[in-house]
Structures are given as structure tokens and as C-alpha cells.
């Protein structure tokens, strides 16, 4: 199947081998079977690797940006709390009280990237589901 789909593409054996080894060693790659198709197709479809976890660096950057903007607007750094008219409307959560969330759901094609990451309070993230 892979040969049929990608045999017309040009590859460097050494580069493919190096990239396969990198991805095989990456703990966030949950589907090792998708690595070859991912590489041969130009590393376009990250869902082939089943990567759903944001790394700590991305979480920290997004948290700091959201918190800075929220403090400036005097609203919660959880975007969903900020929409509510209750005691959490202006609550600033610690990073340990929040979880990274895909703005566009991963199951609907949303990438695990900084552009598609938002930090939500644990309550909202766990109740949000696949929306």
C-alpha cells in the first residue's frame, strides 16, 4: 500500500531512517505504525502518529500569554470562566490548576500545536468533551 501511494516520491534513505528513529523514540507518538506513512507523505497528517499531548513548553507559553491578556482585561485566564457571570469570571488560575486543550478538537483534525492550544481550568476542560 505504501509503495503504491508513494513510489513516485524521492527519498533519501539516511534521512528517512534518521526520522523514523527519532519518531520511534518520541514518547508522545502513540501510534508507531503510522510513522512510515507520515514520513513518506511529507509529514502532513500528524493524526497518523496519534499525538495528542501538548508538551510542557507549549503549555507554559500559552498559559503566560492567556494570563497576561486576562489580567489586562480583568477577566479569568480560563476563557470559558471569563464568559460566565459568577465568582470565577475574573479568577486567575495557577498553571497547575489548568489543562491544555485543543481549540479545534483533535478528533476533528485539530493539531497538537501552539496555535491550537488553549489553557482551561480543569473543571471546564474535563466537562468540555469533544466540542
N, C-alpha and C. Protein backbone atom coordinates (compact mmCIF):
# COMPACT_ATOMS: atom_id res chain seq x y z
N UNK A 1 0.82 -1.20 0.00
CA UNK A 1 0.00 0.00 0.00
C UNK A 1 0.86 1.26 0.00
N UNK A 2 1.87 1.29 0.87
CA UNK A 2 2.73 2.48 0.93
C UNK A 2 3.50 2.66 -0.38
N UNK A 3 3.96 1.56 -0.94
CA UNK A 3 4.67 1.65 -2.22
C UNK A 3 3.74 2.22 -3.30
N UNK A 4 2.53 1.72 -3.37
CA UNK A 4 1.58 2.18 -4.38
C UNK A 4 1.33 3.69 -4.23
N UNK A 5 1.20 4.17 -3.00
CA UNK A 5 0.89 5.58 -2.77
C UNK A 5 2.08 6.50 -2.98
N UNK A 6 3.28 6.04 -2.63
CA UNK A 6 4.41 6.97 -2.56
C UNK A 6 5.61 6.61 -3.43
N UNK A 7 5.51 5.63 -4.31
CA UNK A 7 6.69 5.18 -5.05
C UNK A 7 7.24 6.23 -6.02
N UNK A 8 6.45 7.22 -6.38
CA UNK A 8 6.93 8.26 -7.30
C UNK A 8 7.67 9.39 -6.57
N UNK A 9 7.61 9.40 -5.26
CA UNK A 9 8.29 10.45 -4.48
C UNK A 9 9.77 10.09 -4.30
N UNK A 10 10.58 11.12 -4.16
CA UNK A 10 12.02 10.93 -3.98
C UNK A 10 12.34 11.00 -2.48
N UNK A 11 13.14 10.05 -2.01
CA UNK A 11 13.51 9.99 -0.60
C UNK A 11 15.00 9.73 -0.47
N UNK A 12 15.55 10.18 0.63
CA UNK A 12 16.93 9.85 0.99
C UNK A 12 16.86 8.82 2.11
N UNK A 13 17.42 7.67 1.85
CA UNK A 13 17.34 6.56 2.80
C UNK A 13 17.83 6.98 4.19
N UNK A 14 18.95 7.68 4.24
CA UNK A 14 19.53 8.10 5.52
C UNK A 14 18.59 9.03 6.26
N UNK A 15 17.99 9.99 5.57
CA UNK A 15 17.09 10.94 6.22
C UNK A 15 15.82 10.25 6.73
N UNK A 16 15.29 9.34 5.93
CA UNK A 16 14.10 8.61 6.36
C UNK A 16 14.42 7.76 7.59
N UNK A 17 15.54 7.08 7.56
CA UNK A 17 15.95 6.25 8.69
C UNK A 17 16.13 7.08 9.96
N UNK A 18 16.79 8.23 9.84
CA UNK A 18 17.00 9.11 11.00
C UNK A 18 15.66 9.58 11.56
N UNK A 19 14.76 9.97 10.67
CA UNK A 19 13.47 10.48 11.13
C UNK A 19 12.63 9.38 11.77
N UNK A 20 12.67 8.18 11.20
CA UNK A 20 11.96 7.03 11.79
C UNK A 20 12.48 6.79 13.20
N UNK A 21 13.79 6.80 13.37
CA UNK A 21 14.38 6.56 14.68
C UNK A 21 13.97 7.64 15.69
N UNK A 22 13.94 8.91 15.25
CA UNK A 22 13.51 10.00 16.13
C UNK A 22 12.07 9.78 16.59
N UNK A 23 11.20 9.48 15.66
CA UNK A 23 9.79 9.32 16.00
C UNK A 23 9.53 8.06 16.81
N UNK A 24 10.28 7.01 16.56
CA UNK A 24 10.13 5.78 17.35
C UNK A 24 10.52 6.03 18.81
N UNK A 25 11.47 6.94 19.03
CA UNK A 25 11.93 7.23 20.38
C UNK A 25 11.07 8.28 21.09
N UNK A 26 10.19 8.94 20.36
CA UNK A 26 9.36 10.01 20.93
C UNK A 26 8.20 9.40 21.71
N UNK A 27 8.16 9.63 23.02
CA UNK A 27 7.12 9.04 23.87
C UNK A 27 5.73 9.55 23.53
N UNK A 28 5.63 10.71 22.86
CA UNK A 28 4.31 11.24 22.53
C UNK A 28 3.70 10.58 21.30
N UNK A 29 4.51 9.91 20.50
CA UNK A 29 4.00 9.20 19.33
C UNK A 29 3.35 7.91 19.82
N UNK A 30 2.04 7.92 19.83
CA UNK A 30 1.31 6.77 20.38
C UNK A 30 1.05 5.69 19.34
N UNK A 31 1.10 6.04 18.06
CA UNK A 31 0.86 5.05 17.00
C UNK A 31 2.13 4.90 16.17
N UNK A 32 2.97 3.98 16.56
CA UNK A 32 4.23 3.76 15.86
C UNK A 32 4.00 3.23 14.44
N UNK A 33 2.87 2.57 14.20
CA UNK A 33 2.57 2.02 12.87
C UNK A 33 2.36 3.11 11.83
N UNK A 34 2.03 4.32 12.26
CA UNK A 34 1.77 5.40 11.31
C UNK A 34 3.01 6.18 10.90
N UNK A 35 4.16 5.84 11.48
CA UNK A 35 5.37 6.63 11.25
C UNK A 35 5.79 6.63 9.78
N UNK A 36 5.85 5.49 9.13
CA UNK A 36 6.32 5.44 7.74
C UNK A 36 5.39 6.22 6.82
N UNK A 37 4.10 6.03 6.95
CA UNK A 37 3.17 6.78 6.10
C UNK A 37 3.29 8.27 6.35
N UNK A 38 3.45 8.66 7.60
CA UNK A 38 3.61 10.07 7.97
C UNK A 38 4.83 10.67 7.27
N UNK A 39 5.95 9.98 7.34
CA UNK A 39 7.19 10.48 6.74
C UNK A 39 7.09 10.48 5.21
N UNK A 40 6.62 9.39 4.64
CA UNK A 40 6.56 9.28 3.19
C UNK A 40 5.59 10.28 2.56
N UNK A 41 4.61 10.72 3.32
CA UNK A 41 3.63 11.70 2.83
C UNK A 41 4.05 13.13 3.15
N UNK A 42 5.30 13.33 3.55
CA UNK A 42 5.79 14.68 3.78
C UNK A 42 5.46 15.25 5.15
N UNK A 43 5.16 14.37 6.11
CA UNK A 43 4.87 14.77 7.50
C UNK A 43 3.71 15.77 7.58
N UNK A 44 2.66 15.49 6.86
CA UNK A 44 1.49 16.38 6.82
C UNK A 44 0.42 16.00 7.82
N UNK A 45 0.12 14.72 7.94
CA UNK A 45 -1.00 14.26 8.75
C UNK A 45 -0.52 13.73 10.10
N UNK A 46 -0.46 14.62 11.09
CA UNK A 46 0.04 14.23 12.41
C UNK A 46 -0.88 13.25 13.11
N UNK A 47 -2.11 13.13 12.66
CA UNK A 47 -3.01 12.17 13.29
C UNK A 47 -2.56 10.73 13.06
N UNK A 48 -1.74 10.52 12.04
CA UNK A 48 -1.20 9.17 11.83
C UNK A 48 -0.34 8.72 13.01
N UNK A 49 0.19 9.68 13.76
CA UNK A 49 1.06 9.36 14.90
C UNK A 49 0.30 9.32 16.21
N UNK A 50 -0.94 9.78 16.19
CA UNK A 50 -1.77 9.82 17.40
C UNK A 50 -1.12 10.63 18.51
N UNK A 51 -0.61 11.82 18.15
CA UNK A 51 -0.01 12.73 19.13
C UNK A 51 -1.12 13.64 19.64
N UNK A 52 -1.41 13.52 20.92
CA UNK A 52 -2.50 14.32 21.49
C UNK A 52 -2.05 15.15 22.68
N UNK A 53 -0.82 15.02 23.09
CA UNK A 53 -0.36 15.67 24.31
C UNK A 53 0.47 16.91 23.96
N UNK A 54 0.12 18.05 24.57
CA UNK A 54 0.91 19.26 24.41
C UNK A 54 2.12 19.16 25.32
N UNK A 55 3.29 19.55 24.82
CA UNK A 55 4.47 19.49 25.69
C UNK A 55 4.46 20.66 26.68
N UNK A 56 5.24 20.52 27.72
CA UNK A 56 5.25 21.48 28.83
C UNK A 56 5.63 22.88 28.37
N UNK A 57 6.53 22.99 27.41
CA UNK A 57 6.96 24.29 26.90
C UNK A 57 5.79 25.04 26.26
N UNK A 58 5.01 24.35 25.45
CA UNK A 58 3.85 24.97 24.82
C UNK A 58 2.83 25.39 25.87
N UNK A 59 2.57 24.52 26.83
CA UNK A 59 1.61 24.86 27.89
C UNK A 59 2.02 26.13 28.63
N UNK A 60 3.29 26.24 28.95
CA UNK A 60 3.79 27.40 29.68
C UNK A 60 3.63 28.68 28.86
N UNK A 61 3.98 28.64 27.60
CA UNK A 61 3.86 29.82 26.73
C UNK A 61 2.40 30.25 26.62
N UNK A 62 1.51 29.30 26.37
CA UNK A 62 0.09 29.62 26.22
C UNK A 62 -0.48 30.14 27.53
N UNK A 63 -0.11 29.50 28.64
CA UNK A 63 -0.58 29.94 29.96
C UNK A 63 -0.16 31.39 30.22
N UNK A 64 1.10 31.69 29.99
CA UNK A 64 1.61 33.04 30.26
C UNK A 64 0.91 34.09 29.39
N UNK A 65 0.70 33.77 28.12
CA UNK A 65 0.02 34.71 27.22
C UNK A 65 -1.43 34.93 27.65
N UNK A 66 -2.15 33.85 27.91
CA UNK A 66 -3.54 33.96 28.35
C UNK A 66 -3.65 34.74 29.66
N UNK A 67 -2.75 34.47 30.57
CA UNK A 67 -2.80 35.13 31.88
C UNK A 67 -2.51 36.61 31.76
N UNK A 68 -1.52 36.97 30.98
CA UNK A 68 -1.18 38.37 30.76
C UNK A 68 -2.36 39.13 30.15
N UNK A 69 -2.97 38.55 29.12
CA UNK A 69 -4.12 39.18 28.47
C UNK A 69 -5.32 39.26 29.41
N UNK A 70 -5.55 38.22 30.19
CA UNK A 70 -6.69 38.19 31.11
C UNK A 70 -6.54 39.24 32.20
N UNK A 71 -5.34 39.37 32.75
CA UNK A 71 -5.11 40.38 33.78
C UNK A 71 -5.34 41.78 33.23
N UNK A 72 -4.93 42.00 31.97
CA UNK A 72 -5.15 43.29 31.34
C UNK A 72 -6.63 43.62 31.17
N UNK A 73 -7.43 42.60 30.94
CA UNK A 73 -8.87 42.78 30.74
C UNK A 73 -9.66 42.58 32.03
N UNK A 74 -8.96 42.19 33.10
CA UNK A 74 -9.59 41.91 34.40
C UNK A 74 -10.65 40.81 34.31
N UNK A 75 -10.28 39.76 33.58
CA UNK A 75 -11.14 38.58 33.46
C UNK A 75 -10.31 37.34 33.79
N UNK A 76 -10.95 36.20 33.85
CA UNK A 76 -10.28 34.94 34.15
C UNK A 76 -9.34 34.55 33.01
N UNK A 77 -8.26 33.88 33.38
CA UNK A 77 -7.38 33.34 32.35
C UNK A 77 -7.89 32.03 31.77
N UNK A 78 -9.01 31.52 32.28
CA UNK A 78 -9.72 30.42 31.63
C UNK A 78 -10.77 31.07 30.74
N UNK A 79 -10.66 30.95 29.42
CA UNK A 79 -11.59 31.62 28.53
C UNK A 79 -13.07 31.27 28.78
N UNK A 80 -13.33 30.07 29.25
CA UNK A 80 -14.72 29.69 29.50
C UNK A 80 -15.24 30.28 30.80
N UNK A 81 -14.39 30.38 31.81
CA UNK A 81 -14.80 31.05 33.05
C UNK A 81 -15.06 32.54 32.78
N UNK A 82 -14.25 33.13 31.91
CA UNK A 82 -14.39 34.56 31.60
C UNK A 82 -15.75 34.87 30.97
N UNK A 83 -16.37 33.89 30.33
CA UNK A 83 -17.68 34.09 29.70
C UNK A 83 -18.82 34.06 30.71
N UNK A 84 -18.56 33.45 31.86
CA UNK A 84 -19.61 33.27 32.86
C UNK A 84 -19.73 34.50 33.75
N UNK A 85 -20.88 34.68 34.31
CA UNK A 85 -21.13 35.79 35.24
C UNK A 85 -21.27 35.23 36.65
N UNK A 86 -20.17 34.67 37.16
CA UNK A 86 -20.17 34.13 38.52
C UNK A 86 -18.83 34.47 39.18
N UNK A 87 -18.54 33.87 40.30
CA UNK A 87 -17.33 34.22 41.06
C UNK A 87 -16.03 33.86 40.34
N UNK A 88 -16.09 33.01 39.34
CA UNK A 88 -14.88 32.64 38.60
C UNK A 88 -14.63 33.53 37.39
N UNK A 89 -15.52 34.49 37.13
CA UNK A 89 -15.41 35.36 35.96
C UNK A 89 -14.05 36.06 35.87
N UNK A 90 -13.48 36.41 37.01
CA UNK A 90 -12.20 37.11 36.99
C UNK A 90 -11.09 36.35 37.75
N UNK A 91 -11.30 35.06 37.95
CA UNK A 91 -10.32 34.25 38.68
C UNK A 91 -9.10 33.97 37.81
N UNK A 92 -7.93 34.20 38.38
CA UNK A 92 -6.68 33.85 37.71
C UNK A 92 -6.18 32.54 38.31
N UNK A 93 -6.18 31.50 37.48
CA UNK A 93 -5.76 30.16 37.91
C UNK A 93 -4.25 30.03 37.81
N UNK A 94 -3.70 29.20 38.68
CA UNK A 94 -2.29 28.81 38.57
C UNK A 94 -2.20 27.81 37.43
N UNK A 95 -1.03 27.68 36.86
CA UNK A 95 -0.85 26.74 35.75
C UNK A 95 -1.19 25.31 36.19
N UNK A 96 -0.94 24.99 37.45
CA UNK A 96 -1.24 23.64 37.95
C UNK A 96 -2.74 23.39 38.10
N UNK A 97 -3.53 24.44 38.02
CA UNK A 97 -4.99 24.32 38.12
C UNK A 97 -5.63 24.28 36.73
N UNK A 98 -4.79 24.23 35.70
CA UNK A 98 -5.30 24.27 34.33
C UNK A 98 -4.78 23.09 33.53
N UNK A 99 -5.45 22.84 32.39
CA UNK A 99 -5.03 21.79 31.48
C UNK A 99 -5.04 22.32 30.05
N UNK A 100 -4.13 21.81 29.24
CA UNK A 100 -4.07 22.21 27.84
C UNK A 100 -5.22 21.56 27.08
N UNK A 101 -5.82 22.32 26.18
CA UNK A 101 -6.97 21.86 25.41
C UNK A 101 -6.78 22.20 23.94
N UNK A 102 -7.24 21.32 23.08
CA UNK A 102 -7.24 21.61 21.64
C UNK A 102 -8.42 22.53 21.34
N UNK A 103 -8.17 23.71 20.78
CA UNK A 103 -9.25 24.63 20.41
C UNK A 103 -10.15 23.94 19.40
N UNK A 104 -9.57 23.44 18.31
CA UNK A 104 -10.29 22.57 17.39
C UNK A 104 -9.98 21.15 17.84
N UNK A 105 -10.99 20.40 18.17
CA UNK A 105 -10.80 19.07 18.75
C UNK A 105 -9.85 18.22 17.90
N UNK A 106 -9.00 17.48 18.58
CA UNK A 106 -8.04 16.61 17.91
C UNK A 106 -8.76 15.62 17.00
N UNK A 107 -9.89 15.10 17.46
CA UNK A 107 -10.63 14.12 16.69
C UNK A 107 -11.31 14.73 15.46
N UNK A 108 -11.34 16.07 15.41
CA UNK A 108 -11.91 16.75 14.25
C UNK A 108 -10.83 17.40 13.39
N UNK A 109 -9.61 16.89 13.54
CA UNK A 109 -8.50 17.37 12.71
C UNK A 109 -7.64 18.45 13.35
N UNK A 110 -7.95 18.85 14.57
CA UNK A 110 -7.15 19.87 15.24
C UNK A 110 -5.76 19.36 15.57
N UNK A 111 -4.76 20.16 15.26
CA UNK A 111 -3.39 19.75 15.51
C UNK A 111 -2.98 19.98 16.95
N UNK A 112 -1.99 19.25 17.38
CA UNK A 112 -1.39 19.46 18.69
C UNK A 112 -0.25 20.45 18.48
N UNK A 113 -0.63 21.73 18.36
CA UNK A 113 0.32 22.80 18.07
C UNK A 113 0.01 23.99 18.96
N UNK A 114 0.95 24.89 19.07
CA UNK A 114 0.76 26.07 19.91
C UNK A 114 -0.41 26.91 19.41
N UNK A 115 -0.63 26.93 18.11
CA UNK A 115 -1.72 27.72 17.54
C UNK A 115 -3.10 27.15 17.89
N UNK A 116 -3.14 25.87 18.21
CA UNK A 116 -4.41 25.21 18.50
C UNK A 116 -4.53 24.83 19.98
N UNK A 117 -3.75 25.51 20.82
CA UNK A 117 -3.75 25.20 22.25
C UNK A 117 -4.37 26.35 23.04
N UNK A 118 -5.18 25.99 24.01
CA UNK A 118 -5.66 26.95 24.98
C UNK A 118 -5.62 26.27 26.34
N UNK A 119 -5.44 27.07 27.36
CA UNK A 119 -5.43 26.54 28.72
C UNK A 119 -6.81 26.78 29.32
N UNK A 120 -7.39 25.72 29.87
CA UNK A 120 -8.69 25.81 30.52
C UNK A 120 -8.54 25.33 31.96
N UNK A 121 -9.40 25.87 32.84
CA UNK A 121 -9.41 25.33 34.20
C UNK A 121 -9.79 23.85 34.09
N UNK A 122 -9.36 23.08 35.05
CA UNK A 122 -9.60 21.63 34.98
C UNK A 122 -11.09 21.30 34.87
N UNK A 123 -11.91 22.04 35.57
CA UNK A 123 -13.35 21.78 35.53
C UNK A 123 -13.90 21.94 34.11
N UNK A 124 -13.58 23.05 33.46
CA UNK A 124 -14.10 23.27 32.11
C UNK A 124 -13.49 22.29 31.10
N UNK A 125 -12.20 22.02 31.21
CA UNK A 125 -11.58 21.10 30.26
C UNK A 125 -12.20 19.71 30.35
N UNK A 126 -12.47 19.25 31.56
CA UNK A 126 -12.99 17.90 31.74
C UNK A 126 -14.47 17.80 31.39
N UNK A 127 -15.18 18.92 31.44
CA UNK A 127 -16.60 18.89 31.08
C UNK A 127 -16.85 19.24 29.62
N UNK A 128 -15.84 19.78 28.96
CA UNK A 128 -15.97 20.23 27.57
C UNK A 128 -16.19 19.08 26.60
N UNK A 129 -15.46 18.03 26.78
CA UNK A 129 -15.58 16.88 25.88
C UNK A 129 -15.03 17.17 24.50
N UNK A 130 -15.66 16.61 23.50
CA UNK A 130 -15.18 16.66 22.11
C UNK A 130 -15.91 17.73 21.30
N UNK A 131 -15.96 18.94 21.81
CA UNK A 131 -16.70 20.01 21.13
C UNK A 131 -15.77 20.91 20.37
